[in-house]
Amino acid sequence: MRLVLNVDGGARGNPGPAAIGVVIATPEGETVEQLAETIGVATNNVAEYRALLRGLQRARELGADAVEVRGDSELVVKQVAGDYRVRSADLQPLHAAALDAFAGFASWSLRHVPRAENAGADALVNAALDAA
């Protein structure tokens, strides 16, 4: 089964109160599940990685063997692709965990999208922060 994930993370302040948003859908666009969770105090980049990891975890739990992930964090996408080095000690274990999580899928892709194309996940981040 293939699932499409839109992931986003954000912090109010950097670092500050942070949250993640994940929209999980079928390739045809039917929403399967939405996640909006606070993650405590974190930086924006940590929140972006945590959203990616949570989305991959949930996709696996739902039985996906293939995922197409879309996110608006150029840094995370380029680091996972190997285009950017991971210099931050805070991000190195999250980067390693993301590579491990992707390795558990038969096929996967990770693509950078403009913020406008990630509006659903972004709205979930803000809803989680507003509710906290």
N, C-alpha and C. Protein backbone atom coordinates (compact mmCIF):
# COMPACT_ATOMS: atom_id res chain seq x y z
N MET A 1 0.85 -1.18 0.00
CA MET A 1 0.00 0.00 0.00
C MET A 1 0.89 1.24 0.00
N ARG A 2 0.54 2.20 -0.82
CA ARG A 2 1.28 3.46 -0.93
C ARG A 2 0.47 4.57 -0.26
N LEU A 3 1.16 5.38 0.54
CA LEU A 3 0.53 6.53 1.17
C LEU A 3 1.31 7.79 0.85
N VAL A 4 0.60 8.91 0.82
CA VAL A 4 1.20 10.22 0.60
C VAL A 4 1.12 10.99 1.90
N LEU A 5 2.26 11.52 2.35
CA LEU A 5 2.33 12.25 3.61
C LEU A 5 2.74 13.68 3.35
N ASN A 6 1.98 14.62 3.90
CA ASN A 6 2.41 16.01 3.96
C ASN A 6 2.79 16.26 5.41
N VAL A 7 4.02 16.70 5.63
CA VAL A 7 4.52 16.87 6.99
C VAL A 7 4.99 18.31 7.20
N ASP A 8 4.79 18.80 8.42
CA ASP A 8 5.26 20.13 8.78
C ASP A 8 5.51 20.19 10.27
N GLY A 9 6.46 20.99 10.65
CA GLY A 9 6.75 21.23 12.05
C GLY A 9 7.05 22.70 12.22
N GLY A 10 6.80 23.19 13.41
CA GLY A 10 7.07 24.60 13.65
C GLY A 10 7.18 24.90 15.11
N ALA A 11 7.86 26.00 15.40
CA ALA A 11 8.02 26.47 16.77
C ALA A 11 7.70 27.95 16.82
N ARG A 12 7.10 28.35 17.90
CA ARG A 12 6.83 29.78 18.13
C ARG A 12 7.96 30.29 19.01
N GLY A 13 8.88 30.94 18.37
CA GLY A 13 10.16 31.24 18.98
C GLY A 13 11.09 30.17 18.46
N ASN A 14 12.37 30.40 18.51
CA ASN A 14 13.27 29.41 17.94
C ASN A 14 14.51 29.27 18.82
N PRO A 15 14.49 28.46 19.86
CA PRO A 15 13.43 27.47 20.16
C PRO A 15 12.25 28.09 20.90
N GLY A 16 11.20 27.31 20.96
CA GLY A 16 9.99 27.72 21.64
C GLY A 16 9.00 26.58 21.62
N PRO A 17 7.78 26.82 22.09
CA PRO A 17 6.75 25.77 22.03
C PRO A 17 6.62 25.29 20.59
N ALA A 18 6.63 23.98 20.41
CA ALA A 18 6.67 23.43 19.05
C ALA A 18 5.60 22.37 18.87
N ALA A 19 5.26 22.14 17.60
CA ALA A 19 4.24 21.14 17.26
C ALA A 19 4.54 20.59 15.87
N ILE A 20 3.85 19.49 15.60
CA ILE A 20 3.96 18.85 14.28
C ILE A 20 2.57 18.68 13.69
N GLY A 21 2.53 18.62 12.37
CA GLY A 21 1.30 18.34 11.65
C GLY A 21 1.59 17.35 10.54
N VAL A 22 0.73 16.35 10.40
CA VAL A 22 0.90 15.34 9.37
C VAL A 22 -0.46 15.06 8.74
N VAL A 23 -0.52 15.10 7.43
CA VAL A 23 -1.70 14.70 6.68
C VAL A 23 -1.32 13.45 5.90
N ILE A 24 -2.02 12.37 6.15
CA ILE A 24 -1.77 11.10 5.47
C ILE A 24 -2.93 10.86 4.51
N ALA A 25 -2.59 10.61 3.25
CA ALA A 25 -3.64 10.44 2.22
C ALA A 25 -3.29 9.29 1.30
N THR A 26 -4.29 8.87 0.54
CA THR A 26 -4.07 7.89 -0.52
C THR A 26 -3.45 8.63 -1.71
N PRO A 27 -2.88 7.91 -2.67
CA PRO A 27 -2.36 8.57 -3.87
C PRO A 27 -3.44 9.33 -4.64
N GLU A 28 -4.69 8.93 -4.45
CA GLU A 28 -5.80 9.61 -5.13
C GLU A 28 -6.23 10.88 -4.40
N GLY A 29 -5.66 11.15 -3.22
CA GLY A 29 -5.96 12.37 -2.50
C GLY A 29 -6.96 12.23 -1.37
N GLU A 30 -7.43 11.03 -1.10
CA GLU A 30 -8.38 10.84 0.00
C GLU A 30 -7.62 10.83 1.33
N THR A 31 -8.02 11.74 2.24
CA THR A 31 -7.35 11.82 3.54
C THR A 31 -7.66 10.58 4.36
N VAL A 32 -6.60 9.94 4.84
CA VAL A 32 -6.71 8.75 5.69
C VAL A 32 -6.69 9.16 7.16
N GLU A 33 -5.80 10.09 7.49
CA GLU A 33 -5.63 10.49 8.88
C GLU A 33 -4.89 11.82 8.94
N GLN A 34 -5.16 12.56 10.02
CA GLN A 34 -4.44 13.81 10.28
C GLN A 34 -3.92 13.76 11.71
N LEU A 35 -2.70 14.23 11.90
CA LEU A 35 -2.09 14.27 13.22
C LEU A 35 -1.67 15.69 13.54
N ALA A 36 -2.01 16.15 14.71
CA ALA A 36 -1.58 17.46 15.21
C ALA A 36 -1.15 17.25 16.66
N GLU A 37 0.16 17.39 16.90
CA GLU A 37 0.69 17.07 18.24
C GLU A 37 1.70 18.12 18.66
N THR A 38 1.65 18.50 19.94
CA THR A 38 2.71 19.34 20.48
C THR A 38 3.88 18.44 20.85
N ILE A 39 5.08 19.00 20.80
CA ILE A 39 6.28 18.20 21.10
C ILE A 39 7.17 18.87 22.14
N GLY A 40 6.63 19.83 22.88
CA GLY A 40 7.43 20.53 23.88
C GLY A 40 8.19 21.68 23.26
N VAL A 41 9.31 22.05 23.86
CA VAL A 41 10.13 23.14 23.36
C VAL A 41 11.16 22.57 22.38
N ALA A 42 11.22 23.16 21.20
CA ALA A 42 12.15 22.70 20.16
C ALA A 42 12.39 23.83 19.17
N THR A 43 13.37 23.63 18.31
CA THR A 43 13.61 24.57 17.20
C THR A 43 12.70 24.18 16.04
N ASN A 44 12.60 25.08 15.07
CA ASN A 44 11.82 24.78 13.87
C ASN A 44 12.36 23.54 13.17
N ASN A 45 13.68 23.44 13.04
CA ASN A 45 14.26 22.31 12.31
C ASN A 45 14.03 20.99 13.04
N VAL A 46 14.15 20.99 14.35
CA VAL A 46 13.86 19.77 15.12
C VAL A 46 12.40 19.38 14.92
N ALA A 47 11.50 20.37 14.96
CA ALA A 47 10.08 20.09 14.76
C ALA A 47 9.81 19.52 13.37
N GLU A 48 10.50 20.02 12.36
CA GLU A 48 10.33 19.49 11.00
C GLU A 48 10.75 18.02 10.94
N TYR A 49 11.88 17.69 11.53
CA TYR A 49 12.31 16.29 11.56
C TYR A 49 11.35 15.43 12.36
N ARG A 50 10.88 15.94 13.48
CA ARG A 50 9.95 15.15 14.30
C ARG A 50 8.65 14.89 13.55
N ALA A 51 8.19 15.84 12.75
CA ALA A 51 6.99 15.64 11.94
C ALA A 51 7.23 14.54 10.91
N LEU A 52 8.39 14.58 10.27
CA LEU A 52 8.74 13.55 9.30
C LEU A 52 8.76 12.17 9.95
N LEU A 53 9.42 12.07 11.09
CA LEU A 53 9.52 10.78 11.79
C LEU A 53 8.16 10.27 12.24
N ARG A 54 7.32 11.15 12.76
CA ARG A 54 5.99 10.74 13.22
C ARG A 54 5.13 10.29 12.04
N GLY A 55 5.23 11.00 10.93
CA GLY A 55 4.48 10.61 9.74
C GLY A 55 4.90 9.25 9.22
N LEU A 56 6.21 9.01 9.18
CA LEU A 56 6.70 7.71 8.72
C LEU A 56 6.29 6.59 9.66
N GLN A 57 6.33 6.87 10.96
CA GLN A 57 5.92 5.87 11.95
C GLN A 57 4.44 5.51 11.74
N ARG A 58 3.62 6.51 11.59
CA ARG A 58 2.19 6.26 11.44
C ARG A 58 1.88 5.57 10.12
N ALA A 59 2.57 5.93 9.05
CA ALA A 59 2.36 5.27 7.77
C ALA A 59 2.69 3.78 7.88
N ARG A 60 3.76 3.47 8.57
CA ARG A 60 4.15 2.07 8.78
C ARG A 60 3.06 1.35 9.59
N GLU A 61 2.56 2.00 10.65
CA GLU A 61 1.50 1.39 11.47
C GLU A 61 0.24 1.14 10.65
N LEU A 62 -0.02 1.97 9.67
CA LEU A 62 -1.20 1.81 8.81
C LEU A 62 -0.99 0.76 7.73
N GLY A 63 0.23 0.23 7.64
CA GLY A 63 0.49 -0.85 6.70
C GLY A 63 1.14 -0.44 5.39
N ALA A 64 1.60 0.80 5.30
CA ALA A 64 2.22 1.25 4.06
C ALA A 64 3.57 0.56 3.84
N ASP A 65 3.82 0.20 2.59
CA ASP A 65 5.15 -0.30 2.23
C ASP A 65 5.84 0.67 1.28
N ALA A 66 5.12 1.73 0.89
CA ALA A 66 5.66 2.77 0.03
C ALA A 66 5.08 4.11 0.47
N VAL A 67 5.95 5.13 0.50
CA VAL A 67 5.49 6.45 0.90
C VAL A 67 6.05 7.52 -0.03
N GLU A 68 5.23 8.52 -0.27
CA GLU A 68 5.66 9.74 -0.94
C GLU A 68 5.48 10.85 0.09
N VAL A 69 6.58 11.45 0.51
CA VAL A 69 6.55 12.47 1.56
C VAL A 69 6.80 13.83 0.94
N ARG A 70 5.98 14.78 1.36
CA ARG A 70 6.11 16.16 0.90
C ARG A 70 6.27 17.05 2.12
N GLY A 71 7.25 17.92 2.08
CA GLY A 71 7.46 18.85 3.18
C GLY A 71 7.97 20.17 2.68
N ASP A 72 7.75 21.23 3.45
CA ASP A 72 8.18 22.56 3.02
C ASP A 72 9.51 22.98 3.64
N SER A 73 10.19 22.07 4.33
CA SER A 73 11.51 22.37 4.87
C SER A 73 12.59 21.94 3.88
N GLU A 74 13.15 22.92 3.19
CA GLU A 74 14.22 22.62 2.24
C GLU A 74 15.40 21.96 2.95
N LEU A 75 15.70 22.43 4.17
CA LEU A 75 16.82 21.88 4.92
C LEU A 75 16.66 20.39 5.14
N VAL A 76 15.52 19.96 5.66
CA VAL A 76 15.30 18.54 5.94
C VAL A 76 15.35 17.72 4.65
N VAL A 77 14.67 18.18 3.62
CA VAL A 77 14.65 17.44 2.36
C VAL A 77 16.06 17.29 1.80
N LYS A 78 16.82 18.37 1.78
CA LYS A 78 18.17 18.32 1.22
C LYS A 78 19.12 17.51 2.10
N GLN A 79 18.94 17.55 3.42
CA GLN A 79 19.79 16.74 4.29
C GLN A 79 19.50 15.26 4.10
N VAL A 80 18.24 14.88 4.04
CA VAL A 80 17.90 13.46 3.85
C VAL A 80 18.38 12.98 2.48
N ALA A 81 18.31 13.84 1.47
CA ALA A 81 18.76 13.48 0.13
C ALA A 81 20.29 13.41 0.03
N GLY A 82 20.98 13.95 1.03
CA GLY A 82 22.43 13.95 1.01
C GLY A 82 23.03 15.16 0.32
N ASP A 83 22.19 16.13 -0.05
CA ASP A 83 22.68 17.33 -0.71
C ASP A 83 23.31 18.32 0.27
N TYR A 84 22.81 18.33 1.51
CA TYR A 84 23.34 19.19 2.56
C TYR A 84 23.93 18.31 3.66
N ARG A 85 25.02 18.77 4.24
CA ARG A 85 25.58 18.08 5.41
C ARG A 85 24.74 18.41 6.64
N VAL A 86 24.74 17.51 7.60
CA VAL A 86 24.03 17.72 8.86
C VAL A 86 25.07 18.15 9.88
N ARG A 87 25.16 19.44 10.10
CA ARG A 87 26.19 19.97 11.00
C ARG A 87 25.70 20.08 12.43
N SER A 88 24.43 20.30 12.62
CA SER A 88 23.87 20.50 13.96
C SER A 88 23.85 19.19 14.75
N ALA A 89 24.44 19.22 15.92
CA ALA A 89 24.44 18.04 16.79
C ALA A 89 23.01 17.66 17.18
N ASP A 90 22.11 18.63 17.26
CA ASP A 90 20.71 18.35 17.60
C ASP A 90 20.00 17.61 16.47
N LEU A 91 20.42 17.85 15.23
CA LEU A 91 19.74 17.24 14.09
C LEU A 91 20.34 15.91 13.67
N GLN A 92 21.59 15.65 14.01
CA GLN A 92 22.25 14.43 13.56
C GLN A 92 21.50 13.16 13.95
N PRO A 93 21.06 12.99 15.22
CA PRO A 93 20.32 11.76 15.53
C PRO A 93 18.96 11.69 14.85
N LEU A 94 18.32 12.83 14.63
CA LEU A 94 17.03 12.84 13.93
C LEU A 94 17.22 12.48 12.46
N HIS A 95 18.29 12.97 11.87
CA HIS A 95 18.62 12.64 10.48
C HIS A 95 18.86 11.14 10.34
N ALA A 96 19.65 10.58 11.26
CA ALA A 96 19.92 9.14 11.22
C ALA A 96 18.64 8.34 11.39
N ALA A 97 17.78 8.79 12.29
CA ALA A 97 16.50 8.09 12.51
C ALA A 97 15.62 8.16 11.26
N ALA A 98 15.65 9.29 10.56
CA ALA A 98 14.85 9.43 9.34
C ALA A 98 15.35 8.47 8.27
N LEU A 99 16.67 8.36 8.11
CA LEU A 99 17.21 7.43 7.12
C LEU A 99 16.84 5.99 7.47
N ASP A 100 16.91 5.66 8.75
CA ASP A 100 16.50 4.32 9.19
C ASP A 100 15.03 4.07 8.92
N ALA A 101 14.19 5.08 9.19
CA ALA A 101 12.75 4.92 8.98
C ALA A 101 12.44 4.73 7.50
N PHE A 102 13.08 5.50 6.64
CA PHE A 102 12.85 5.35 5.20
C PHE A 102 13.31 3.97 4.72
N ALA A 103 14.38 3.45 5.31
CA ALA A 103 14.91 2.14 4.89
C ALA A 103 13.91 1.01 5.12
N GLY A 104 12.93 1.24 6.00
CA GLY A 104 11.92 0.24 6.28
C GLY A 104 10.83 0.13 5.23
N PHE A 105 10.88 0.99 4.21
CA PHE A 105 9.86 0.97 3.16
C PHE A 105 10.47 0.39 1.87
N ALA A 106 9.65 -0.32 1.13
CA ALA A 106 10.10 -0.89 -0.14
C ALA A 106 10.47 0.21 -1.14
N SER A 107 9.71 1.30 -1.12
CA SER A 107 10.04 2.46 -1.95
C SER A 107 9.57 3.71 -1.23
N TRP A 108 10.29 4.79 -1.51
CA TRP A 108 9.93 6.06 -0.87
C TRP A 108 10.48 7.22 -1.69
N SER A 109 9.87 8.37 -1.48
CA SER A 109 10.38 9.61 -2.06
C SER A 109 10.11 10.72 -1.05
N LEU A 110 10.95 11.72 -1.11
CA LEU A 110 10.82 12.91 -0.25
C LEU A 110 11.02 14.11 -1.14
N ARG A 111 10.03 15.00 -1.14
CA ARG A 111 10.05 16.13 -2.07
C ARG A 111 9.77 17.43 -1.33
N HIS A 112 10.52 18.46 -1.68
CA HIS A 112 10.27 19.79 -1.14
C HIS A 112 9.12 20.43 -1.92
N VAL A 113 8.16 20.97 -1.19
CA VAL A 113 7.04 21.66 -1.82
C VAL A 113 6.93 23.06 -1.23
N PRO A 114 6.38 23.99 -1.98
CA PRO A 114 6.15 25.33 -1.43
C PRO A 114 5.16 25.26 -0.26
N ARG A 115 5.28 26.22 0.64
CA ARG A 115 4.41 26.25 1.82
C ARG A 115 2.93 26.18 1.43
N ALA A 116 2.56 26.82 0.34
CA ALA A 116 1.15 26.82 -0.09
C ALA A 116 0.65 25.41 -0.39
N GLU A 117 1.54 24.52 -0.85
CA GLU A 117 1.15 23.15 -1.14
C GLU A 117 1.17 22.26 0.10
N ASN A 118 1.55 22.85 1.22
CA ASN A 118 1.62 22.10 2.47
C ASN A 118 0.70 22.73 3.52
N ALA A 119 -0.32 23.43 3.05
CA ALA A 119 -1.18 24.21 3.93
C ALA A 119 -1.91 23.35 4.96
N GLY A 120 -2.31 22.14 4.59
CA GLY A 120 -3.03 21.29 5.54
C GLY A 120 -2.18 20.92 6.74
N ALA A 121 -0.95 20.51 6.49
CA ALA A 121 -0.05 20.15 7.59
C ALA A 121 0.30 21.38 8.42
N ASP A 122 0.51 22.52 7.75
CA ASP A 122 0.82 23.76 8.46
C ASP A 122 -0.33 24.17 9.37
N ALA A 123 -1.55 24.03 8.89
CA ALA A 123 -2.72 24.37 9.72
C ALA A 123 -2.80 23.47 10.95
N LEU A 124 -2.41 22.20 10.81
CA LEU A 124 -2.41 21.29 11.96
C LEU A 124 -1.39 21.71 13.00
N VAL A 125 -0.23 22.16 12.56
CA VAL A 125 0.80 22.66 13.49
C VAL A 125 0.23 23.82 14.29
N ASN A 126 -0.36 24.78 13.60
CA ASN A 126 -0.90 25.95 14.27
C ASN A 126 -2.06 25.60 15.20
N ALA A 127 -2.89 24.65 14.79
CA ALA A 127 -4.01 24.23 15.64
C ALA A 127 -3.48 23.59 16.93
N ALA A 128 -2.45 22.77 16.82
CA ALA A 128 -1.87 22.13 18.02
C ALA A 128 -1.27 23.18 18.94
N LEU A 129 -0.57 24.16 18.38
CA LEU A 129 0.03 25.21 19.21
C LEU A 129 -1.04 26.09 19.84
N ASP A 130 -2.08 26.41 19.09
CA ASP A 130 -3.18 27.23 19.64
C ASP A 130 -3.91 26.53 20.77
N ALA A 131 -4.03 25.21 20.68
CA ALA A 131 -4.77 24.45 21.69
C ALA A 131 -3.95 24.23 22.96
N ALA A 132 -2.63 24.37 22.85
CA ALA A 132 -1.75 24.08 24.00
C ALA A 132 -1.84 25.17 25.06
